[in-house]
Amino acid sequence: MIDKIIKIDDIEGKVYELENWKPSNANQVKKYFSEKANEIKQDYQKLLNDFNINKVIFDSKMNFKPIIGKTYHLYEKKSGKKFMSLISPLEWRKNKDLLFLGSFKQDTNQRWVEVKS
């Protein structure tokens, strides 16, 4: 359980584990810290996912300068090389040499975000 891994250092360097707190007055506080730790873990997972998506896209071939807010499509060739395209999967003529990986657009921070279709 997450309560067992949460440790808090105080100013004097003492370490307190939530599991050792007195249950009569600590249940609500333990619940708060456990929920916060779960939120941070979820935020971290989302950050990693966003980072990985952006790394793949920035490492992909792009023969144009993207416009913020415009949707682009990420594909992978059989060779493993990835590229961004203006052409949507519906516009390709059933090209079996390409794997569609997703549609993306840049936000105002030039971060790529997935466009759900």
N, C-alpha and C. Protein backbone atom coordinates (compact mmCIF):
# COMPACT_ATOMS: atom_id res chain seq x y z
N MET A 1 0.85 -1.19 0.00
CA MET A 1 0.00 0.00 0.00
C MET A 1 0.88 1.23 0.00
N ILE A 2 0.41 2.31 -0.59
CA ILE A 2 1.22 3.51 -0.75
C ILE A 2 1.58 4.16 0.59
N ASP A 3 0.73 3.99 1.63
CA ASP A 3 1.02 4.58 2.93
C ASP A 3 2.38 4.13 3.45
N LYS A 4 2.77 2.93 3.13
CA LYS A 4 4.00 2.37 3.65
C LYS A 4 5.23 3.00 3.03
N ILE A 5 5.10 3.59 1.84
CA ILE A 5 6.28 4.14 1.21
C ILE A 5 6.41 5.65 1.38
N ILE A 6 5.37 6.30 1.86
CA ILE A 6 5.45 7.74 2.06
C ILE A 6 6.19 8.02 3.35
N LYS A 7 7.28 8.76 3.19
CA LYS A 7 8.06 9.15 4.37
C LYS A 7 8.22 10.65 4.33
N ILE A 8 8.16 11.27 5.48
CA ILE A 8 8.27 12.71 5.56
C ILE A 8 9.42 13.05 6.50
N ASP A 9 10.37 13.86 6.02
CA ASP A 9 11.48 14.32 6.86
C ASP A 9 11.08 15.65 7.49
N ASP A 10 11.33 15.79 8.78
CA ASP A 10 11.05 17.07 9.41
C ASP A 10 12.34 17.90 9.44
N ILE A 11 12.27 19.06 10.03
CA ILE A 11 13.40 19.99 10.06
C ILE A 11 14.61 19.39 10.77
N GLU A 12 14.39 18.59 11.78
CA GLU A 12 15.49 18.00 12.54
C GLU A 12 16.05 16.75 11.88
N GLY A 13 15.50 16.35 10.74
CA GLY A 13 16.01 15.18 10.05
C GLY A 13 15.36 13.88 10.46
N LYS A 14 14.34 13.94 11.28
CA LYS A 14 13.63 12.73 11.66
C LYS A 14 12.74 12.28 10.50
N VAL A 15 12.56 10.99 10.38
CA VAL A 15 11.73 10.44 9.32
C VAL A 15 10.48 9.84 9.94
N TYR A 16 9.33 10.19 9.36
CA TYR A 16 8.05 9.66 9.83
C TYR A 16 7.41 8.89 8.69
N GLU A 17 6.94 7.71 8.96
CA GLU A 17 6.19 6.95 7.97
C GLU A 17 4.71 7.07 8.33
N LEU A 18 3.90 7.27 7.33
CA LEU A 18 2.47 7.44 7.58
C LEU A 18 1.88 6.23 8.29
N GLU A 19 2.41 5.06 8.03
CA GLU A 19 1.88 3.85 8.64
C GLU A 19 1.99 3.88 10.17
N ASN A 20 2.98 4.61 10.66
CA ASN A 20 3.23 4.65 12.10
C ASN A 20 2.40 5.71 12.83
N TRP A 21 1.64 6.51 12.11
CA TRP A 21 0.83 7.54 12.75
C TRP A 21 -0.31 6.88 13.53
N LYS A 22 -0.72 7.56 14.54
CA LYS A 22 -1.83 7.06 15.36
C LYS A 22 -3.12 7.09 14.53
N PRO A 23 -3.78 5.96 14.42
CA PRO A 23 -4.97 5.89 13.58
C PRO A 23 -6.11 6.80 14.04
N SER A 24 -6.20 7.08 15.31
CA SER A 24 -7.33 7.86 15.81
C SER A 24 -7.34 9.28 15.26
N ASN A 25 -6.20 9.83 14.94
CA ASN A 25 -6.21 11.21 14.47
C ASN A 25 -5.52 11.38 13.11
N ALA A 26 -5.15 10.30 12.49
CA ALA A 26 -4.37 10.44 11.27
C ALA A 26 -5.02 9.87 10.02
N ASN A 27 -6.15 9.21 10.14
CA ASN A 27 -6.76 8.58 8.96
C ASN A 27 -7.04 9.57 7.84
N GLN A 28 -7.59 10.71 8.20
CA GLN A 28 -7.93 11.70 7.18
C GLN A 28 -6.66 12.25 6.53
N VAL A 29 -5.63 12.48 7.34
CA VAL A 29 -4.38 13.01 6.81
C VAL A 29 -3.69 11.96 5.94
N LYS A 30 -3.71 10.71 6.39
CA LYS A 30 -3.12 9.63 5.60
C LYS A 30 -3.82 9.51 4.26
N LYS A 31 -5.14 9.63 4.27
CA LYS A 31 -5.91 9.55 3.03
C LYS A 31 -5.53 10.70 2.10
N TYR A 32 -5.40 11.91 2.64
CA TYR A 32 -5.01 13.07 1.84
C TYR A 32 -3.67 12.84 1.16
N PHE A 33 -2.66 12.42 1.94
CA PHE A 33 -1.32 12.23 1.38
C PHE A 33 -1.30 11.08 0.38
N SER A 34 -2.05 10.04 0.64
CA SER A 34 -2.11 8.92 -0.30
C SER A 34 -2.73 9.35 -1.62
N GLU A 35 -3.83 10.11 -1.54
CA GLU A 35 -4.48 10.60 -2.76
C GLU A 35 -3.57 11.55 -3.53
N LYS A 36 -2.86 12.42 -2.81
CA LYS A 36 -1.93 13.36 -3.45
C LYS A 36 -0.81 12.60 -4.14
N ALA A 37 -0.28 11.57 -3.49
CA ALA A 37 0.79 10.76 -4.08
C ALA A 37 0.30 10.09 -5.35
N ASN A 38 -0.94 9.59 -5.34
CA ASN A 38 -1.52 8.97 -6.55
C ASN A 38 -1.69 10.00 -7.67
N GLU A 39 -2.12 11.21 -7.32
CA GLU A 39 -2.27 12.27 -8.31
C GLU A 39 -0.93 12.61 -8.95
N ILE A 40 0.10 12.72 -8.12
CA ILE A 40 1.44 13.03 -8.63
C ILE A 40 1.93 11.92 -9.54
N LYS A 41 1.67 10.67 -9.17
CA LYS A 41 2.08 9.53 -9.99
C LYS A 41 1.37 9.58 -11.34
N GLN A 42 0.08 9.89 -11.36
CA GLN A 42 -0.67 9.98 -12.61
C GLN A 42 -0.16 11.14 -13.47
N ASP A 43 0.11 12.29 -12.82
CA ASP A 43 0.65 13.44 -13.55
C ASP A 43 2.01 13.11 -14.15
N TYR A 44 2.83 12.39 -13.41
CA TYR A 44 4.15 11.99 -13.89
C TYR A 44 4.02 11.06 -15.10
N GLN A 45 3.11 10.10 -15.03
CA GLN A 45 2.89 9.19 -16.16
C GLN A 45 2.43 9.96 -17.40
N LYS A 46 1.56 10.95 -17.21
CA LYS A 46 1.10 11.76 -18.33
C LYS A 46 2.24 12.58 -18.90
N LEU A 47 3.08 13.13 -18.04
CA LEU A 47 4.24 13.90 -18.48
C LEU A 47 5.19 13.02 -19.30
N LEU A 48 5.44 11.80 -18.82
CA LEU A 48 6.31 10.88 -19.57
C LEU A 48 5.72 10.55 -20.94
N ASN A 49 4.42 10.32 -20.98
CA ASN A 49 3.75 10.02 -22.24
C ASN A 49 3.86 11.20 -23.21
N ASP A 50 3.60 12.41 -22.71
CA ASP A 50 3.71 13.61 -23.53
C ASP A 50 5.14 13.79 -24.04
N PHE A 51 6.11 13.55 -23.16
CA PHE A 51 7.52 13.67 -23.54
C PHE A 51 7.84 12.69 -24.66
N ASN A 52 7.42 11.43 -24.50
CA ASN A 52 7.73 10.41 -25.49
C ASN A 52 7.08 10.70 -26.84
N ILE A 53 5.84 11.18 -26.83
CA ILE A 53 5.17 11.56 -28.08
C ILE A 53 5.95 12.67 -28.76
N ASN A 54 6.34 13.69 -28.01
CA ASN A 54 7.07 14.81 -28.59
C ASN A 54 8.44 14.39 -29.10
N LYS A 55 9.11 13.50 -28.38
CA LYS A 55 10.42 13.02 -28.83
C LYS A 55 10.29 12.30 -30.17
N VAL A 56 9.30 11.41 -30.29
CA VAL A 56 9.09 10.68 -31.54
C VAL A 56 8.81 11.65 -32.68
N ILE A 57 7.95 12.63 -32.45
CA ILE A 57 7.59 13.57 -33.52
C ILE A 57 8.77 14.44 -33.90
N PHE A 58 9.50 14.98 -32.92
CA PHE A 58 10.64 15.83 -33.24
C PHE A 58 11.76 15.05 -33.91
N ASP A 59 11.83 13.74 -33.67
CA ASP A 59 12.83 12.88 -34.33
C ASP A 59 12.36 12.40 -35.70
N SER A 60 11.10 12.65 -36.04
CA SER A 60 10.54 12.20 -37.31
C SER A 60 10.87 13.20 -38.42
N LYS A 61 10.84 12.67 -39.64
CA LYS A 61 11.07 13.54 -40.80
C LYS A 61 9.85 14.43 -41.02
N MET A 62 10.13 15.70 -41.30
CA MET A 62 9.05 16.66 -41.52
C MET A 62 9.52 17.61 -42.62
N ASN A 63 8.85 17.59 -43.75
CA ASN A 63 9.27 18.41 -44.89
C ASN A 63 8.51 19.73 -44.97
N PHE A 64 8.05 20.22 -43.86
CA PHE A 64 7.31 21.47 -43.83
C PHE A 64 7.48 22.09 -42.44
N LYS A 65 7.18 23.36 -42.36
CA LYS A 65 7.20 24.03 -41.06
C LYS A 65 5.78 23.97 -40.51
N PRO A 66 5.60 23.30 -39.35
CA PRO A 66 4.23 23.16 -38.83
C PRO A 66 3.63 24.50 -38.39
N ILE A 67 2.33 24.58 -38.56
CA ILE A 67 1.57 25.76 -38.13
C ILE A 67 0.84 25.38 -36.85
N ILE A 68 0.96 26.21 -35.84
CA ILE A 68 0.32 25.94 -34.56
C ILE A 68 -1.18 25.79 -34.74
N GLY A 69 -1.72 24.71 -34.19
CA GLY A 69 -3.15 24.46 -34.24
C GLY A 69 -3.61 23.63 -35.43
N LYS A 70 -2.75 23.45 -36.44
CA LYS A 70 -3.12 22.65 -37.61
C LYS A 70 -2.80 21.18 -37.33
N THR A 71 -3.66 20.30 -37.80
CA THR A 71 -3.49 18.86 -37.55
C THR A 71 -2.58 18.23 -38.59
N TYR A 72 -1.66 17.40 -38.08
CA TYR A 72 -0.73 16.65 -38.93
C TYR A 72 -0.82 15.18 -38.52
N HIS A 73 -0.30 14.31 -39.37
CA HIS A 73 -0.46 12.88 -39.15
C HIS A 73 0.90 12.20 -39.14
N LEU A 74 1.09 11.32 -38.18
CA LEU A 74 2.35 10.62 -38.01
C LEU A 74 2.23 9.21 -38.57
N TYR A 75 3.19 8.84 -39.41
CA TYR A 75 3.21 7.52 -40.04
C TYR A 75 4.57 6.87 -39.81
N GLU A 76 4.57 5.55 -39.94
CA GLU A 76 5.83 4.81 -39.89
C GLU A 76 5.91 3.94 -41.14
N LYS A 77 7.06 4.02 -41.82
CA LYS A 77 7.30 3.18 -42.99
C LYS A 77 7.72 1.79 -42.53
N LYS A 78 7.68 0.82 -43.44
CA LYS A 78 8.13 -0.54 -43.11
C LYS A 78 9.58 -0.55 -42.65
N SER A 79 10.35 0.41 -43.12
CA SER A 79 11.76 0.50 -42.74
C SER A 79 11.95 0.95 -41.30
N GLY A 80 10.84 1.41 -40.66
CA GLY A 80 10.91 1.89 -39.28
C GLY A 80 11.04 3.40 -39.17
N LYS A 81 11.26 4.07 -40.30
CA LYS A 81 11.39 5.53 -40.29
C LYS A 81 10.02 6.17 -40.15
N LYS A 82 9.97 7.19 -39.31
CA LYS A 82 8.70 7.88 -39.06
C LYS A 82 8.73 9.24 -39.75
N PHE A 83 7.53 9.69 -40.15
CA PHE A 83 7.42 11.01 -40.78
C PHE A 83 6.06 11.62 -40.49
N MET A 84 6.04 12.93 -40.51
CA MET A 84 4.79 13.68 -40.35
C MET A 84 4.29 14.06 -41.74
N SER A 85 2.97 14.07 -41.88
CA SER A 85 2.37 14.36 -43.18
C SER A 85 1.13 15.23 -43.01
N LEU A 86 0.84 15.97 -44.06
CA LEU A 86 -0.40 16.74 -44.12
C LEU A 86 -1.56 15.85 -44.55
N ILE A 87 -1.23 14.70 -45.11
CA ILE A 87 -2.24 13.81 -45.67
C ILE A 87 -2.82 12.91 -44.58
N SER A 88 -4.14 12.91 -44.46
CA SER A 88 -4.80 12.11 -43.43
C SER A 88 -4.85 10.65 -43.86
N PRO A 89 -5.07 9.75 -42.91
CA PRO A 89 -5.15 8.32 -43.26
C PRO A 89 -6.28 8.02 -44.25
N LEU A 90 -7.35 8.80 -44.22
CA LEU A 90 -8.46 8.59 -45.15
C LEU A 90 -8.08 8.95 -46.58
N GLU A 91 -7.10 9.85 -46.73
CA GLU A 91 -6.69 10.30 -48.06
C GLU A 91 -5.67 9.37 -48.73
N TRP A 92 -4.99 8.55 -47.93
CA TRP A 92 -4.05 7.58 -48.51
C TRP A 92 -4.86 6.50 -49.20
N ARG A 93 -4.33 5.95 -50.25
CA ARG A 93 -5.01 4.87 -50.97
C ARG A 93 -4.56 3.52 -50.42
N LYS A 94 -5.03 3.18 -49.26
CA LYS A 94 -4.74 1.90 -48.62
C LYS A 94 -3.29 1.47 -48.84
N ASN A 95 -2.39 2.34 -48.46
CA ASN A 95 -0.97 2.08 -48.60
C ASN A 95 -0.54 1.12 -47.49
N LYS A 96 -0.22 -0.12 -47.85
CA LYS A 96 0.14 -1.12 -46.86
C LYS A 96 1.57 -0.98 -46.37
N ASP A 97 2.31 -0.07 -46.98
CA ASP A 97 3.69 0.17 -46.55
C ASP A 97 3.77 1.18 -45.41
N LEU A 98 2.63 1.75 -45.05
CA LEU A 98 2.60 2.77 -44.01
C LEU A 98 1.72 2.35 -42.83
N LEU A 99 2.20 2.64 -41.66
CA LEU A 99 1.43 2.42 -40.44
C LEU A 99 1.08 3.79 -39.86
N PHE A 100 -0.20 4.05 -39.72
CA PHE A 100 -0.67 5.31 -39.13
C PHE A 100 -0.49 5.24 -37.62
N LEU A 101 0.21 6.23 -37.04
CA LEU A 101 0.48 6.24 -35.60
C LEU A 101 -0.38 7.22 -34.82
N GLY A 102 -0.96 8.20 -35.52
CA GLY A 102 -1.82 9.15 -34.82
C GLY A 102 -1.80 10.52 -35.47
N SER A 103 -2.76 11.34 -35.06
CA SER A 103 -2.86 12.72 -35.54
C SER A 103 -2.50 13.65 -34.38
N PHE A 104 -1.77 14.72 -34.72
CA PHE A 104 -1.25 15.62 -33.70
C PHE A 104 -1.30 17.06 -34.19
N LYS A 105 -1.29 17.97 -33.24
CA LYS A 105 -1.14 19.39 -33.55
C LYS A 105 -0.28 20.02 -32.47
N GLN A 106 0.31 21.16 -32.79
CA GLN A 106 1.13 21.87 -31.81
C GLN A 106 0.26 22.88 -31.07
N ASP A 107 0.53 23.00 -29.76
CA ASP A 107 -0.16 24.03 -28.99
C ASP A 107 0.69 25.30 -29.03
N THR A 108 0.31 26.32 -28.30
CA THR A 108 1.02 27.60 -28.34
C THR A 108 2.43 27.52 -27.77
N ASN A 109 2.73 26.44 -27.05
CA ASN A 109 4.10 26.23 -26.55
C ASN A 109 4.92 25.37 -27.51
N GLN A 110 4.37 25.09 -28.68
CA GLN A 110 4.97 24.24 -29.71
C GLN A 110 5.16 22.80 -29.22
N ARG A 111 4.33 22.40 -28.30
CA ARG A 111 4.30 21.02 -27.80
C ARG A 111 3.26 20.28 -28.61
N TRP A 112 3.62 19.07 -29.06
CA TRP A 112 2.70 18.27 -29.85
C TRP A 112 1.69 17.58 -28.93
N VAL A 113 0.42 17.69 -29.27
CA VAL A 113 -0.64 17.03 -28.50
C VAL A 113 -1.47 16.18 -29.48
N GLU A 114 -1.91 15.05 -28.98
CA GLU A 114 -2.68 14.14 -29.83
C GLU A 114 -4.07 14.69 -30.10
N VAL A 115 -4.52 14.52 -31.32
CA VAL A 115 -5.86 14.92 -31.74
C VAL A 115 -6.67 13.64 -31.81
N LYS A 116 -7.68 13.52 -30.99
CA LYS A 116 -8.55 12.34 -31.00
C LYS A 116 -9.54 12.48 -32.14
N SER A 117 -9.66 11.40 -32.92
CA SER A 117 -10.59 11.48 -34.05
C SER A 117 -11.86 10.74 -33.77
